N, C-alpha and C. Protein backbone atom coordinates (compact mmCIF):
# COMPACT_ATOMS: atom_id res chain seq x y z
N MET A 1 4.10 -15.56 12.75
CA MET A 1 4.01 -14.39 13.38
C MET A 1 4.63 -13.30 12.67
N GLN A 2 5.74 -13.92 11.84
CA GLN A 2 6.14 -13.16 10.97
C GLN A 2 6.16 -12.47 10.14
N ALA A 3 4.57 -13.62 9.51
CA ALA A 3 4.44 -12.65 8.65
C ALA A 3 4.01 -11.28 9.71
N GLU A 4 2.71 -10.92 10.34
CA GLU A 4 2.65 -10.06 10.65
C GLU A 4 3.61 -8.62 11.28
N ASP A 5 4.64 -9.55 11.80
CA ASP A 5 5.67 -8.57 11.73
C ASP A 5 6.22 -8.38 10.86
N GLY A 6 6.20 -8.85 9.56
CA GLY A 6 6.53 -7.53 8.59
C GLY A 6 5.70 -7.01 7.28
N LEU A 7 3.93 -7.45 8.11
CA LEU A 7 3.46 -6.00 7.67
C LEU A 7 3.96 -4.97 8.74
N ASP A 8 3.71 -5.11 9.50
CA ASP A 8 3.75 -3.93 10.90
C ASP A 8 5.18 -3.19 10.33
N ALA A 9 5.96 -3.85 10.32
CA ALA A 9 7.23 -3.20 9.31
C ALA A 9 6.96 -2.09 8.61
N ALA A 10 6.57 -2.68 7.35
CA ALA A 10 6.11 -2.56 5.60
C ALA A 10 5.64 -1.31 5.89
N PHE A 11 4.20 -1.44 6.95
CA PHE A 11 3.17 -0.32 6.79
C PHE A 11 3.50 1.02 7.72
N ALA A 12 4.79 0.68 8.83
CA ALA A 12 4.91 1.62 9.55
C ALA A 12 6.14 2.56 8.54
N ALA A 13 6.98 1.07 7.70
CA ALA A 13 7.43 2.65 7.43
C ALA A 13 6.97 3.62 6.15
N LEU A 14 5.59 3.19 5.81
CA LEU A 14 4.93 3.88 4.39
C LEU A 14 4.55 4.73 5.43
N ALA A 15 3.95 5.26 6.16
CA ALA A 15 3.83 5.78 7.23
C ALA A 15 4.22 7.59 7.21
N ASP A 16 5.45 7.36 6.42
CA ASP A 16 6.10 8.79 5.92
C ASP A 16 5.90 8.06 4.72
N PRO A 17 5.80 10.18 4.68
CA PRO A 17 5.04 10.95 2.74
C PRO A 17 6.13 10.95 2.34
N VAL A 18 7.33 10.81 2.75
CA VAL A 18 8.85 10.65 2.33
C VAL A 18 9.15 9.52 1.22
N ARG A 19 9.17 8.62 2.29
CA ARG A 19 8.93 6.78 2.81
C ARG A 19 8.26 6.35 0.99
N ARG A 20 7.05 7.26 1.29
CA ARG A 20 6.19 6.48 -0.07
C ARG A 20 6.60 7.60 -1.16
N ALA A 21 6.93 8.62 -1.23
CA ALA A 21 7.46 9.20 -2.60
C ALA A 21 9.04 8.88 -3.13
N ILE A 22 9.62 7.47 -2.36
CA ILE A 22 10.51 7.54 -2.75
C ILE A 22 10.05 5.78 -3.54
N ILE A 23 8.86 4.88 -2.10
CA ILE A 23 8.41 3.79 -3.51
C ILE A 23 7.21 3.76 -4.54
N ALA A 24 6.86 5.42 -4.52
CA ALA A 24 6.22 5.92 -6.13
C ALA A 24 7.10 6.14 -7.07
N ARG A 25 8.88 6.55 -6.57
CA ARG A 25 9.72 6.23 -7.57
C ARG A 25 9.99 5.51 -8.68
N LEU A 26 10.19 3.85 -7.44
CA LEU A 26 11.58 2.98 -7.12
C LEU A 26 10.07 2.04 -8.49
N SER A 27 9.14 2.94 -8.88
CA SER A 27 8.10 2.13 -8.93
C SER A 27 8.52 2.29 -10.67
N ARG A 28 9.11 2.83 -10.90
CA ARG A 28 9.25 3.76 -12.59
C ARG A 28 10.65 2.77 -13.22
N GLY A 29 11.60 2.47 -11.29
CA GLY A 29 12.65 2.22 -12.34
C GLY A 29 14.14 1.82 -10.60
N PRO A 30 15.20 1.68 -10.41
CA PRO A 30 15.60 1.74 -10.19
C PRO A 30 16.83 3.01 -9.84
N ALA A 31 16.79 3.61 -8.86
CA ALA A 31 17.95 4.98 -8.78
C ALA A 31 18.69 5.31 -7.64
N THR A 32 19.66 5.78 -7.55
CA THR A 32 20.45 6.06 -6.72
C THR A 32 20.34 6.70 -5.76
N VAL A 33 20.45 6.76 -4.90
CA VAL A 33 20.55 7.91 -3.20
C VAL A 33 20.50 9.35 -3.72
N ASN A 34 20.99 9.95 -5.22
CA ASN A 34 21.18 10.72 -5.33
C ASN A 34 19.71 11.19 -6.65
N GLU A 35 20.02 9.95 -7.11
CA GLU A 35 18.47 10.17 -7.57
C GLU A 35 16.96 10.65 -7.17
N LEU A 36 17.06 9.91 -6.10
CA LEU A 36 15.85 9.36 -5.15
C LEU A 36 15.86 10.87 -4.17
N ALA A 37 16.99 11.55 -4.17
CA ALA A 37 16.88 12.66 -3.09
C ALA A 37 16.60 14.45 -3.92
N GLU A 38 16.83 14.01 -5.33
CA GLU A 38 16.54 15.17 -6.05
C GLU A 38 14.95 15.95 -5.35
N PRO A 39 14.02 15.35 -5.56
CA PRO A 39 12.60 15.96 -5.53
C PRO A 39 12.38 17.02 -3.94
N PHE A 40 12.84 15.58 -3.09
CA PHE A 40 12.96 16.99 -1.80
C PHE A 40 14.14 18.04 -0.93
N ASP A 41 13.64 18.59 -0.10
CA ASP A 41 14.61 19.26 0.52
C ASP A 41 15.22 19.04 2.19
N ILE A 42 15.84 17.68 1.62
CA ILE A 42 16.67 17.70 3.15
C ILE A 42 17.59 16.69 1.86
N THR A 43 18.85 16.04 3.53
CA THR A 43 20.07 16.68 2.97
C THR A 43 20.32 14.42 2.09
N LEU A 44 21.73 13.92 1.49
CA LEU A 44 21.15 12.90 1.73
C LEU A 44 21.22 11.65 2.49
N GLN A 45 22.18 12.26 3.44
CA GLN A 45 21.71 11.16 4.56
C GLN A 45 20.24 10.72 5.23
N ALA A 46 19.01 12.39 5.41
CA ALA A 46 18.22 11.44 5.87
C ALA A 46 17.30 11.44 4.39
N VAL A 47 17.60 10.18 3.20
CA VAL A 47 17.26 9.91 2.47
C VAL A 47 17.98 9.23 2.34
N SER A 48 19.47 8.67 2.66
CA SER A 48 19.86 7.31 3.18
C SER A 48 18.94 6.11 4.33
N ARG A 49 18.54 7.57 5.35
CA ARG A 49 18.03 7.27 6.66
C ARG A 49 16.58 5.82 5.94
N HIS A 50 15.96 7.44 5.02
CA HIS A 50 14.24 6.46 5.36
C HIS A 50 15.06 5.62 3.96
N ILE A 51 15.65 5.43 2.95
CA ILE A 51 15.45 3.95 1.82
C ILE A 51 16.44 2.42 3.85
N GLY A 52 17.16 3.12 4.08
CA GLY A 52 17.29 2.34 5.48
C GLY A 52 16.54 1.73 5.53
N VAL A 53 14.95 3.12 5.54
CA VAL A 53 13.62 1.82 6.92
C VAL A 53 12.34 1.38 6.06
N LEU A 54 13.48 2.08 5.00
CA LEU A 54 12.09 0.64 3.57
C LEU A 54 13.72 -0.81 3.35
N GLU A 55 14.12 -0.86 3.65
CA GLU A 55 15.08 -1.75 3.33
C GLU A 55 14.78 -2.53 4.15
N ALA A 56 14.36 -1.90 5.78
CA ALA A 56 14.77 -2.84 6.98
C ALA A 56 13.09 -3.90 7.07
N ALA A 57 12.10 -3.05 6.10
CA ALA A 57 11.09 -3.23 6.33
C ALA A 57 10.50 -4.57 5.17
N GLY A 58 12.16 -4.53 3.80
CA GLY A 58 11.70 -5.46 2.46
C GLY A 58 11.21 -4.58 1.88
N LEU A 59 11.47 -3.25 2.23
CA LEU A 59 10.21 -3.33 1.02
C LEU A 59 10.97 -3.07 -0.58
N VAL A 60 12.62 -2.64 -0.16
CA VAL A 60 13.60 -2.17 -1.39
C VAL A 60 14.79 -3.37 -0.60
N SER A 61 15.77 -3.57 -1.73
CA SER A 61 16.95 -3.79 -2.02
C SER A 61 17.58 -2.49 -2.55
N ARG A 62 19.06 -2.90 -2.13
CA ARG A 62 20.55 -1.91 -2.98
C ARG A 62 21.39 -3.29 -3.93
N THR A 63 21.66 -2.31 -4.25
CA THR A 63 23.08 -4.07 -5.03
C THR A 63 24.01 -3.07 -5.44
N ARG A 64 25.34 -3.46 -6.53
CA ARG A 64 26.24 -2.62 -6.23
C ARG A 64 26.27 -3.15 -7.92
N GLU A 65 26.80 -1.87 -8.28
CA GLU A 65 26.89 -1.94 -10.34
C GLU A 65 28.42 -0.76 -9.95
N ALA A 66 29.97 -2.25 -10.15
CA ALA A 66 30.41 -0.30 -9.63
C ALA A 66 30.79 0.35 -8.86
N GLN A 67 30.60 1.30 -9.27
CA GLN A 67 30.10 3.01 -8.17
C GLN A 67 29.40 2.34 -7.19
N ARG A 68 28.65 2.53 -8.52
CA ARG A 68 26.63 3.12 -7.54
C ARG A 68 26.13 2.07 -7.00
N ARG A 69 25.34 2.11 -6.31
CA ARG A 69 24.43 1.77 -5.84
C ARG A 69 22.73 1.70 -5.49
N PRO A 70 22.40 0.71 -6.59
CA PRO A 70 20.92 1.41 -7.00
C PRO A 70 19.75 0.95 -6.53
N VAL A 71 19.05 1.96 -5.56
CA VAL A 71 17.92 0.63 -4.86
C VAL A 71 16.43 -0.02 -5.87
N HIS A 72 16.36 -0.71 -4.97
CA HIS A 72 15.10 -0.99 -6.11
C HIS A 72 14.49 -1.85 -5.16
N LEU A 73 13.31 -1.57 -5.71
CA LEU A 73 11.47 -1.73 -5.14
C LEU A 73 12.07 -4.03 -5.60
N ASP A 74 10.85 -4.39 -4.20
CA ASP A 74 10.37 -5.22 -4.19
C ASP A 74 9.58 -5.41 -5.05
N ALA A 75 9.33 -6.09 -6.30
CA ALA A 75 7.15 -5.42 -6.05
C ALA A 75 6.05 -6.87 -5.33
N ALA A 76 7.32 -8.08 -4.92
CA ALA A 76 7.11 -9.17 -4.24
C ALA A 76 6.95 -8.84 -2.96
N ALA A 77 6.96 -8.10 -2.08
CA ALA A 77 6.42 -7.00 -1.31
C ALA A 77 4.78 -6.26 -0.95
N LEU A 78 5.80 -5.37 -1.87
CA LEU A 78 4.47 -4.31 -2.52
C LEU A 78 2.90 -5.61 -2.47
N GLU A 79 3.45 -6.73 -3.20
CA GLU A 79 1.83 -7.73 -3.84
C GLU A 79 1.73 -8.25 -2.44
N ARG A 80 2.77 -8.84 -1.19
CA ARG A 80 1.88 -8.67 0.23
C ARG A 80 1.40 -8.48 0.69
N LEU A 81 1.78 -6.46 0.40
CA LEU A 81 0.97 -6.11 1.70
C LEU A 81 -0.72 -5.18 0.44
N THR A 82 -0.84 -6.12 -0.51
CA THR A 82 -2.41 -5.84 -1.47
C THR A 82 -3.29 -6.99 -1.55
N SER A 83 -2.44 -7.86 -1.06
CA SER A 83 -3.48 -9.22 -1.04
C SER A 83 -3.59 -9.43 0.38
N TRP A 84 -2.25 -8.91 1.29
CA TRP A 84 -3.87 -8.82 2.86
C TRP A 84 -4.89 -7.44 3.12
N ILE A 85 -4.31 -6.27 1.76
CA ILE A 85 -5.73 -5.46 1.75
C ILE A 85 -6.98 -5.54 1.24
N ASP A 86 -6.29 -6.37 0.33
CA ASP A 86 -8.13 -7.66 -0.42
C ASP A 86 -8.90 -8.25 0.35
N ARG A 87 -8.23 -8.87 1.34
CA ARG A 87 -8.12 -10.02 1.07
C ARG A 87 -9.15 -9.26 2.37
N TYR A 88 -9.20 -8.06 2.86
CA TYR A 88 -10.32 -7.60 4.53
C TYR A 88 -11.63 -6.34 3.39
N ARG A 89 -11.09 -5.88 2.03
CA ARG A 89 -11.43 -5.26 0.71
C ARG A 89 -12.28 -6.16 0.81
N LEU A 90 -12.44 -7.25 -0.33
CA LEU A 90 -13.16 -8.27 -0.80
C LEU A 90 -14.02 -8.62 0.47
N GLU A 91 -14.20 -9.22 2.06
CA GLU A 91 -14.86 -9.99 2.41
C GLU A 91 -16.11 -7.95 3.03
N ALA A 92 -15.42 -7.15 3.17
CA ALA A 92 -16.60 -6.46 3.65
C ALA A 92 -17.42 -5.56 2.14
N GLU A 93 -16.46 -6.49 1.48
CA GLU A 93 -17.30 -6.00 -0.43
C GLU A 93 -18.15 -6.93 -0.71
N SER A 94 -18.60 -8.15 0.17
CA SER A 94 -19.26 -9.50 0.38
C SER A 94 -20.60 -8.40 1.19
N ARG A 95 -20.02 -8.25 1.89
CA ARG A 95 -20.61 -7.69 3.40
C ARG A 95 -21.62 -6.84 2.74
N TYR A 96 -21.03 -6.05 1.72
CA TYR A 96 -22.53 -4.38 1.66
C TYR A 96 -23.27 -5.35 -0.16
N ARG A 97 -22.67 -5.96 -0.04
CA ARG A 97 -23.21 -7.27 -1.42
C ARG A 97 -24.39 -7.74 -0.45
N ARG A 98 -24.03 -8.13 0.49
CA ARG A 98 -25.07 -9.16 1.07
C ARG A 98 -26.66 -7.94 2.14
N LEU A 99 -25.91 -6.83 2.22
CA LEU A 99 -26.53 -5.67 2.27
C LEU A 99 -27.73 -5.66 1.49
N ASP A 100 -26.50 -4.59 0.56
CA ASP A 100 -27.36 -4.44 -1.08
C ASP A 100 -28.86 -5.26 -0.87
N ALA A 101 -28.68 -6.53 -1.19
CA ALA A 101 -29.34 -7.54 -1.70
C ALA A 101 -31.09 -7.55 -0.01
N VAL A 102 -30.69 -7.49 0.93
CA VAL A 102 -31.69 -7.28 1.69
C VAL A 102 -32.63 -6.12 1.74
N LEU A 103 -31.30 -5.18 1.08
CA LEU A 103 -32.04 -3.80 1.09
C LEU A 103 -32.70 -4.46 0.11
N THR A 104 -32.53 -4.35 -0.92
CA THR A 104 -33.29 -4.60 -2.29
C THR A 104 -35.36 -5.96 -1.90
N THR A 105 -34.30 -5.74 -0.84
CA THR A 105 -35.94 -6.86 -0.73
C THR A 105 -36.56 -6.54 -0.07
N HIS A 106 -36.62 -5.86 0.52
CA HIS A 106 -37.27 -5.28 1.90
C HIS A 106 -37.89 -4.06 0.39
N GLN A 107 -37.87 -3.49 -0.11
CA GLN A 107 -37.70 -2.47 -1.01
C GLN A 107 -39.03 -2.79 -2.10
N THR A 108 -38.95 -3.55 -2.45
CA THR A 108 -39.56 -4.86 -3.33
C THR A 108 -40.94 -5.24 -2.50
N SER A 109 -40.81 -5.86 -0.72
CA SER A 109 -41.65 -6.68 -0.81
C SER A 109 -42.87 -5.57 0.21
N ASP A 110 -41.39 -3.86 0.17
CA ASP A 110 -42.84 -3.11 1.14
C ASP A 110 -43.58 -2.36 0.29
N ALA A 111 -43.20 -2.49 -1.84
CA ALA A 111 -43.67 -1.04 -2.02
C ALA A 111 -45.31 -1.80 -1.79
N PRO A 112 -45.70 -2.63 -2.33
CA PRO A 112 -47.14 -2.87 -2.76
C PRO A 112 -48.17 -2.33 -1.51
N ASN A 113 -47.72 -1.49 -0.03
CA ASN A 113 -48.03 -1.22 0.85
C ASN A 113 -47.21 0.59 0.42
N ARG A 114 -46.77 0.64 0.28
CA ARG A 114 -46.67 2.29 0.23
C ARG A 114 -47.53 2.65 -1.00
N GLU A 115 -47.77 1.41 -1.65
CA GLU A 115 -49.03 2.43 -3.29
C GLU A 115 -50.27 1.89 -2.83
N LYS A 116 -50.82 1.18 -1.13
CA LYS A 116 -51.83 1.04 -0.17
C LYS A 116 -52.41 2.13 -0.13
N ARG A 117 -51.33 3.41 1.30
CA ARG A 117 -51.38 4.27 1.59
C ARG A 117 -51.43 5.47 0.65
N SER A 118 -50.33 4.91 -0.22
CA SER A 118 -50.85 6.53 -1.02
C SER A 118 -52.44 6.76 -1.14
């Protein structure tokens, strides 16, 4: 159940467009709160809260480098989300391929009947 809770927290964190933009920025490398706040018309405190939500969801972490506290993306956490999504995407694609095969077989077997009616 903990894995499901982690997924819930991560997807809830990613439901916000500001947090998704922060994740997108961090995909290019670590950044400070000031750097992350630059493109937004919100306070540093609000950006810090968004980072806190992402951190609680396990998507980012903070380190200390002298006076700086850069935020880092946890690529493994994103991989867990991608794996979860891919599992269901692959199942759905498999069902669609089977349906395509059935439809192709049906169309092929129905072709002579269509020619007789013409």
